[in-house]
Amino acid sequence: MRQPLSILDQIDLAGKLGDLKEQHYNHTLLLTALLELLTEKGLLTAEEIRTKAAGLHQLALSGSEEDILS
């Protein structure tokens, strides 16, 4: 059986969670900017992006890492 986390461990964990949230926000912002630029410049359509994302999602669910990376 696990012992409960000390107060300092809880504070550390909360800080790490905050860092992860900030990283996630920054990655999402960058990805959104890139996708908008690609569509604005006519290099990709929103439908192409959605189709690719859905395909990658299905590959991830299948658990075939080789398929995802190729």
PDB file of N, CA and C in Angstrom:
ATOM      1  N   MET A   1       0.841  -1.190   0.000  1.00  0.00           N
ATOM      2  CA  MET A   1       0.000   0.000   0.000  1.00  0.00           C
ATOM      3  C   MET A   1       0.879   1.243   0.000  1.00  0.00           C
ATOM      4  N   ARG A   2       0.493   2.208  -0.816  1.00  0.00           N
ATOM      5  CA  ARG A   2       1.263   3.449  -0.913  1.00  0.00           C
ATOM      6  C   ARG A   2       0.997   4.373   0.248  1.00  0.00           C
ATOM      7  N   GLN A   3       2.056   5.069   0.626  1.00  0.00           N
ATOM      8  CA  GLN A   3       1.899   6.103   1.649  1.00  0.00           C
ATOM      9  C   GLN A   3       1.439   7.390   0.966  1.00  0.00           C
ATOM     10  N   PRO A   4       0.638   8.182   1.651  1.00  0.00           N
ATOM     11  CA  PRO A   4       0.194   9.455   1.071  1.00  0.00           C
ATOM     12  C   PRO A   4       1.391  10.370   0.809  1.00  0.00           C
ATOM     13  N   LEU A   5       1.258  11.229  -0.195  1.00  0.00           N
ATOM     14  CA  LEU A   5       2.326  12.165  -0.518  1.00  0.00           C
ATOM     15  C   LEU A   5       2.458  13.217   0.577  1.00  0.00           C
ATOM     16  N   SER A   6       3.702  13.601   0.832  1.00  0.00           N
ATOM     17  CA  SER A   6       3.930  14.684   1.788  1.00  0.00           C
ATOM     18  C   SER A   6       3.457  15.993   1.156  1.00  0.00           C
ATOM     19  N   ILE A   7       3.325  17.006   1.971  1.00  0.00           N
ATOM     20  CA  ILE A   7       2.907  18.326   1.479  1.00  0.00           C
ATOM     21  C   ILE A   7       3.879  18.827   0.428  1.00  0.00           C
ATOM     22  N   LEU A   8       5.173  18.659   0.662  1.00  0.00           N
ATOM     23  CA  LEU A   8       6.172  19.126  -0.310  1.00  0.00           C
ATOM     24  C   LEU A   8       6.060  18.354  -1.619  1.00  0.00           C
ATOM     25  N   ASP A   9       5.810  17.060  -1.547  1.00  0.00           N
ATOM     26  CA  ASP A   9       5.624  16.266  -2.760  1.00  0.00           C
ATOM     27  C   ASP A   9       4.371  16.701  -3.505  1.00  0.00           C
ATOM     28  N   GLN A  10       3.315  17.034  -2.786  1.00  0.00           N
ATOM     29  CA  GLN A  10       2.089  17.515  -3.412  1.00  0.00           C
ATOM     30  C   GLN A  10       2.324  18.848  -4.118  1.00  0.00           C
ATOM     31  N   ILE A  11       3.079  19.729  -3.478  1.00  0.00           N
ATOM     32  CA  ILE A  11       3.404  21.028  -4.072  1.00  0.00           C
ATOM     33  C   ILE A  11       4.249  20.832  -5.329  1.00  0.00           C
ATOM     34  N   ASP A  12       5.217  19.924  -5.251  1.00  0.00           N
ATOM     35  CA  ASP A  12       6.066  19.624  -6.397  1.00  0.00           C
ATOM     36  C   ASP A  12       5.235  19.074  -7.553  1.00  0.00           C
ATOM     37  N   LEU A  13       4.336  18.175  -7.245  1.00  0.00           N
ATOM     38  CA  LEU A  13       3.468  17.580  -8.265  1.00  0.00           C
ATOM     39  C   LEU A  13       2.565  18.638  -8.898  1.00  0.00           C
ATOM     40  N   ALA A  14       2.024  19.522  -8.091  1.00  0.00           N
ATOM     41  CA  ALA A  14       1.181  20.596  -8.617  1.00  0.00           C
ATOM     42  C   ALA A  14       1.987  21.518  -9.532  1.00  0.00           C
ATOM     43  N   GLY A  15       3.231  21.795  -9.164  1.00  0.00           N
ATOM     44  CA  GLY A  15       4.093  22.620 -10.010  1.00  0.00           C
ATOM     45  C   GLY A  15       4.378  21.950 -11.344  1.00  0.00           C
ATOM     46  N   LYS A  16       4.646  20.647 -11.308  1.00  0.00           N
ATOM     47  CA  LYS A  16       4.900  19.904 -12.544  1.00  0.00           C
ATOM     48  C   LYS A  16       3.661  19.893 -13.438  1.00  0.00           C
ATOM     49  N   LEU A  17       2.499  19.748 -12.832  1.00  0.00           N
ATOM     50  CA  LEU A  17       1.250  19.777 -13.599  1.00  0.00           C
ATOM     51  C   LEU A  17       1.061  21.139 -14.256  1.00  0.00           C
ATOM     52  N   GLY A  18       1.359  22.194 -13.531  1.00  0.00           N
ATOM     53  CA  GLY A  18       1.269  23.542 -14.094  1.00  0.00           C
ATOM     54  C   GLY A  18       2.216  23.720 -15.268  1.00  0.00           C
ATOM     55  N   ASP A  19       3.431  23.185 -15.145  1.00  0.00           N
ATOM     56  CA  ASP A  19       4.400  23.260 -16.241  1.00  0.00           C
ATOM     57  C   ASP A  19       3.882  22.514 -17.469  1.00  0.00           C
ATOM     58  N   LEU A  20       3.302  21.338 -17.255  1.00  0.00           N
ATOM     59  CA  LEU A  20       2.760  20.559 -18.364  1.00  0.00           C
ATOM     60  C   LEU A  20       1.609  21.296 -19.052  1.00  0.00           C
ATOM     61  N   LYS A  21       0.759  21.938 -18.256  1.00  0.00           N
ATOM     62  CA  LYS A  21      -0.353  22.701 -18.837  1.00  0.00           C
ATOM     63  C   LYS A  21       0.166  23.844 -19.699  1.00  0.00           C
ATOM     64  N   GLU A  22       1.198  24.516 -19.236  1.00  0.00           N
ATOM     65  CA  GLU A  22       1.772  25.626 -20.008  1.00  0.00           C
ATOM     66  C   GLU A  22       2.395  25.106 -21.298  1.00  0.00           C
ATOM     67  N   GLN A  23       3.112  23.988 -21.217  1.00  0.00           N
ATOM     68  CA  GLN A  23       3.696  23.378 -22.413  1.00  0.00           C
ATOM     69  C   GLN A  23       2.614  22.989 -23.411  1.00  0.00           C
ATOM     70  N   HIS A  24       1.555  22.384 -22.919  1.00  0.00           N
ATOM     71  CA  HIS A  24       0.451  21.974 -23.778  1.00  0.00           C
ATOM     72  C   HIS A  24      -0.157  23.183 -24.480  1.00  0.00           C
ATOM     73  N   TYR A  25      -0.374  24.254 -23.750  1.00  0.00           N
ATOM     74  CA  TYR A  25      -0.929  25.471 -24.337  1.00  0.00           C
ATOM     75  C   TYR A  25      -0.010  26.003 -25.435  1.00  0.00           C
ATOM     76  N   ASN A  26       1.296  26.063 -25.156  1.00  0.00           N
ATOM     77  CA  ASN A  26       2.246  26.585 -26.136  1.00  0.00           C
ATOM     78  C   ASN A  26       2.294  25.714 -27.385  1.00  0.00           C
ATOM     79  N   HIS A  27       2.264  24.399 -27.221  1.00  0.00           N
ATOM     80  CA  HIS A  27       2.263  23.496 -28.370  1.00  0.00           C
ATOM     81  C   HIS A  27       0.982  23.654 -29.184  1.00  0.00           C
ATOM     82  N   THR A  28      -0.133  23.781 -28.505  1.00  0.00           N
ATOM     83  CA  THR A  28      -1.414  23.952 -29.198  1.00  0.00           C
ATOM     84  C   THR A  28      -1.437  25.265 -29.971  1.00  0.00           C
ATOM     85  N   LEU A  29      -0.930  26.316 -29.373  1.00  0.00           N
ATOM     86  CA  LEU A  29      -0.876  27.622 -30.029  1.00  0.00           C
ATOM     87  C   LEU A  29      -0.005  27.565 -31.278  1.00  0.00           C
ATOM     88  N   LEU A  30       1.162  26.947 -31.171  1.00  0.00           N
ATOM     89  CA  LEU A  30       2.069  26.832 -32.311  1.00  0.00           C
ATOM     90  C   LEU A  30       1.441  25.999 -33.424  1.00  0.00           C
ATOM     91  N   LEU A  31       0.838  24.871 -33.060  1.00  0.00           N
ATOM     92  CA  LEU A  31       0.201  24.010 -34.055  1.00  0.00           C
ATOM     93  C   LEU A  31      -0.943  24.742 -34.761  1.00  0.00           C
ATOM     94  N   THR A  32      -1.741  25.466 -34.016  1.00  0.00           N
ATOM     95  CA  THR A  32      -2.843  26.226 -34.604  1.00  0.00           C
ATOM     96  C   THR A  32      -2.314  27.275 -35.579  1.00  0.00           C
ATOM     97  N   ALA A  33      -1.262  27.967 -35.190  1.00  0.00           N
ATOM     98  CA  ALA A  33      -0.682  28.981 -36.071  1.00  0.00           C
ATOM     99  C   ALA A  33      -0.154  28.349 -37.355  1.00  0.00           C
ATOM    100  N   LEU A  34       0.532  27.225 -37.239  1.00  0.00           N
ATOM    101  CA  LEU A  34       1.062  26.548 -38.427  1.00  0.00           C
ATOM    102  C   LEU A  34      -0.054  26.087 -39.359  1.00  0.00           C
ATOM    103  N   LEU A  35      -1.085  25.487 -38.791  1.00  0.00           N
ATOM    104  CA  LEU A  35      -2.195  25.011 -39.618  1.00  0.00           C
ATOM    105  C   LEU A  35      -2.909  26.158 -40.306  1.00  0.00           C
ATOM    106  N   GLU A  36      -3.101  27.254 -39.612  1.00  0.00           N
ATOM    107  CA  GLU A  36      -3.757  28.413 -40.217  1.00  0.00           C
ATOM    108  C   GLU A  36      -2.912  29.001 -41.343  1.00  0.00           C
ATOM    109  N   LEU A  37      -1.600  29.073 -41.136  1.00  0.00           N
ATOM    110  CA  LEU A  37      -0.728  29.586 -42.190  1.00  0.00           C
ATOM    111  C   LEU A  37      -0.747  28.685 -43.423  1.00  0.00           C
ATOM    112  N   LEU A  38      -0.716  27.370 -43.209  1.00  0.00           N
ATOM    113  CA  LEU A  38      -0.748  26.427 -44.329  1.00  0.00           C
ATOM    114  C   LEU A  38      -2.040  26.552 -45.131  1.00  0.00           C
ATOM    115  N   THR A  39      -3.157  26.743 -44.422  1.00  0.00           N
ATOM    116  CA  THR A  39      -4.428  26.884 -45.139  1.00  0.00           C
ATOM    117  C   THR A  39      -4.545  28.265 -45.792  1.00  0.00           C
ATOM    118  N   GLU A  40      -4.082  29.312 -45.113  1.00  0.00           N
ATOM    119  CA  GLU A  40      -4.136  30.654 -45.678  1.00  0.00           C
ATOM    120  C   GLU A  40      -3.309  30.757 -46.958  1.00  0.00           C
ATOM    121  N   LYS A  41      -2.184  30.057 -46.999  1.00  0.00           N
ATOM    122  CA  LYS A  41      -1.310  30.098 -48.171  1.00  0.00           C
ATOM    123  C   LYS A  41      -1.762  29.125 -49.260  1.00  0.00           C
ATOM    124  N   GLY A  42      -2.819  28.368 -48.981  1.00  0.00           N
ATOM    125  CA  GLY A  42      -3.350  27.450 -49.970  1.00  0.00           C
ATOM    126  C   GLY A  42      -2.539  26.180 -50.145  1.00  0.00           C
ATOM    127  N   LEU A  43      -1.669  25.881 -49.196  1.00  0.00           N
ATOM    128  CA  LEU A  43      -0.844  24.675 -49.289  1.00  0.00           C
ATOM    129  C   LEU A  43      -1.611  23.430 -48.865  1.00  0.00           C
ATOM    130  N   LEU A  44      -2.529  23.588 -47.949  1.00  0.00           N
ATOM    131  CA  LEU A  44      -3.396  22.498 -47.490  1.00  0.00           C
ATOM    132  C   LEU A  44      -4.795  23.051 -47.274  1.00  0.00           C
ATOM    133  N   THR A  45      -5.779  22.173 -47.409  1.00  0.00           N
ATOM    134  CA  THR A  45      -7.145  22.573 -47.075  1.00  0.00           C
ATOM    135  C   THR A  45      -7.475  22.042 -45.683  1.00  0.00           C
ATOM    136  N   ALA A  46      -8.488  22.617 -45.084  1.00  0.00           N
ATOM    137  CA  ALA A  46      -8.923  22.148 -43.766  1.00  0.00           C
ATOM    138  C   ALA A  46      -9.360  20.694 -43.844  1.00  0.00           C
ATOM    139  N   GLU A  47      -9.985  20.310 -44.961  1.00  0.00           N
ATOM    140  CA  GLU A  47     -10.427  18.926 -45.129  1.00  0.00           C
ATOM    141  C   GLU A  47      -9.237  17.969 -45.194  1.00  0.00           C
ATOM    142  N   GLU A  48      -8.176  18.364 -45.879  1.00  0.00           N
ATOM    143  CA  GLU A  48      -6.972  17.517 -45.937  1.00  0.00           C
ATOM    144  C   GLU A  48      -6.375  17.316 -44.547  1.00  0.00           C
ATOM    145  N   ILE A  49      -6.374  18.374 -43.764  1.00  0.00           N
ATOM    146  CA  ILE A  49      -5.838  18.293 -42.402  1.00  0.00           C
ATOM    147  C   ILE A  49      -6.701  17.369 -41.554  1.00  0.00           C
ATOM    148  N   ARG A  50      -8.024  17.531 -41.646  1.00  0.00           N
ATOM    149  CA  ARG A  50      -8.937  16.672 -40.881  1.00  0.00           C
ATOM    150  C   ARG A  50      -8.787  15.210 -41.279  1.00  0.00           C
ATOM    151  N   THR A  51      -8.675  14.952 -42.576  1.00  0.00           N
ATOM    152  CA  THR A  51      -8.536  13.583 -43.067  1.00  0.00           C
ATOM    153  C   THR A  51      -7.245  12.957 -42.556  1.00  0.00           C
ATOM    154  N   LYS A  52      -6.161  13.706 -42.625  1.00  0.00           N
ATOM    155  CA  LYS A  52      -4.870  13.189 -42.146  1.00  0.00           C
ATOM    156  C   LYS A  52      -4.920  12.940 -40.647  1.00  0.00           C
ATOM    157  N   ALA A  53      -5.507  13.847 -39.903  1.00  0.00           N
ATOM    158  CA  ALA A  53      -5.609  13.689 -38.449  1.00  0.00           C
ATOM    159  C   ALA A  53      -6.428  12.453 -38.095  1.00  0.00           C
ATOM    160  N   ALA A  54      -7.532  12.244 -38.809  1.00  0.00           N
ATOM    161  CA  ALA A  54      -8.368  11.072 -38.550  1.00  0.00           C
ATOM    162  C   ALA A  54      -7.611   9.791 -38.868  1.00  0.00           C
ATOM    163  N   GLY A  55      -6.848   9.802 -39.948  1.00  0.00           N
ATOM    164  CA  GLY A  55      -6.049   8.633 -40.302  1.00  0.00           C
ATOM    165  C   GLY A  55      -4.985   8.334 -39.273  1.00  0.00           C
ATOM    166  N   LEU A  56      -4.305   9.365 -38.791  1.00  0.00           N
ATOM    167  CA  LEU A  56      -3.285   9.178 -37.750  1.00  0.00           C
ATOM    168  C   LEU A  56      -3.901   8.684 -36.449  1.00  0.00           C
ATOM    169  N   HIS A  57      -5.092   9.178 -36.155  1.00  0.00           N
ATOM    170  CA  HIS A  57      -5.795   8.731 -34.950  1.00  0.00           C
ATOM    171  C   HIS A  57      -6.107   7.237 -35.041  1.00  0.00           C
ATOM    172  N   GLN A  58      -6.582   6.805 -36.187  1.00  0.00           N
ATOM    173  CA  GLN A  58      -6.890   5.384 -36.367  1.00  0.00           C
ATOM    174  C   GLN A  58      -5.629   4.528 -36.254  1.00  0.00           C
ATOM    175  N   LEU A  59      -4.518   5.002 -36.820  1.00  0.00           N
ATOM    176  CA  LEU A  59      -3.266   4.262 -36.700  1.00  0.00           C
ATOM    177  C   LEU A  59      -2.812   4.172 -35.248  1.00  0.00           C
ATOM    178  N   ALA A  60      -2.975   5.267 -34.520  1.00  0.00           N
ATOM    179  CA  ALA A  60      -2.584   5.268 -33.113  1.00  0.00           C
ATOM    180  C   ALA A  60      -3.430   4.280 -32.321  1.00  0.00           C
ATOM    181  N   LEU A  61      -4.715   4.205 -32.636  1.00  0.00           N
ATOM    182  CA  LEU A  61      -5.595   3.261 -31.949  1.00  0.00           C
ATOM    183  C   LEU A  61      -5.234   1.826 -32.268  1.00  0.00           C
ATOM    184  N   SER A  62      -4.717   1.590 -33.480  1.00  0.00           N
ATOM    185  CA  SER A  62      -4.354   0.226 -33.868  1.00  0.00           C
ATOM    186  C   SER A  62      -3.086  -0.228 -33.161  1.00  0.00           C
ATOM    187  N   GLY A  63      -2.316   0.743 -32.637  1.00  0.00           N
ATOM    188  CA  GLY A  63      -1.111   0.407 -31.890  1.00  0.00           C
ATOM    189  C   GLY A  63       0.078   0.062 -32.742  1.00  0.00           C
ATOM    190  N   SER A  64       0.016   0.336 -34.028  1.00  0.00           N
ATOM    191  CA  SER A  64       1.114   0.031 -34.934  1.00  0.00           C
ATOM    192  C   SER A  64       2.005   1.239 -35.079  1.00  0.00           C
ATOM    193  N   GLU A  65       3.058   1.304 -34.279  1.00  0.00           N
ATOM    194  CA  GLU A  65       3.943   2.467 -34.285  1.00  0.00           C
ATOM    195  C   GLU A  65       4.659   2.615 -35.618  1.00  0.00           C
ATOM    196  N   GLU A  66       5.022   1.506 -36.261  1.00  0.00           N
ATOM    197  CA  GLU A  66       5.705   1.582 -37.555  1.00  0.00           C
ATOM    198  C   GLU A  66       4.832   2.273 -38.584  1.00  0.00           C
ATOM    199  N   ASP A  67       3.523   1.979 -38.573  1.00  0.00           N
ATOM    200  CA  ASP A  67       2.610   2.609 -39.525  1.00  0.00           C
ATOM    201  C   ASP A  67       2.509   4.111 -39.285  1.00  0.00           C
ATOM    202  N   ILE A  68       2.532   4.509 -38.029  1.00  0.00           N
ATOM    203  CA  ILE A  68       2.390   5.926 -37.681  1.00  0.00           C
ATOM    204  C   ILE A  68       3.598   6.716 -38.172  1.00  0.00           C
ATOM    205  N   LEU A  69       4.795   6.140 -38.027  1.00  0.00           N
ATOM    206  CA  LEU A  69       6.008   6.850 -38.361  1.00  0.00           C
ATOM    207  C   LEU A  69       6.303   6.847 -39.849  1.00  0.00           C
ATOM    208  N   SER A  70       5.666   6.017 -40.619  1.00  0.00           N
ATOM    209  CA  SER A  70       5.968   5.965 -42.062  1.00  0.00           C
ATOM    210  C   SER A  70       5.063   6.881 -42.850  1.00  0.00           C
TER     211      SER A  70
END
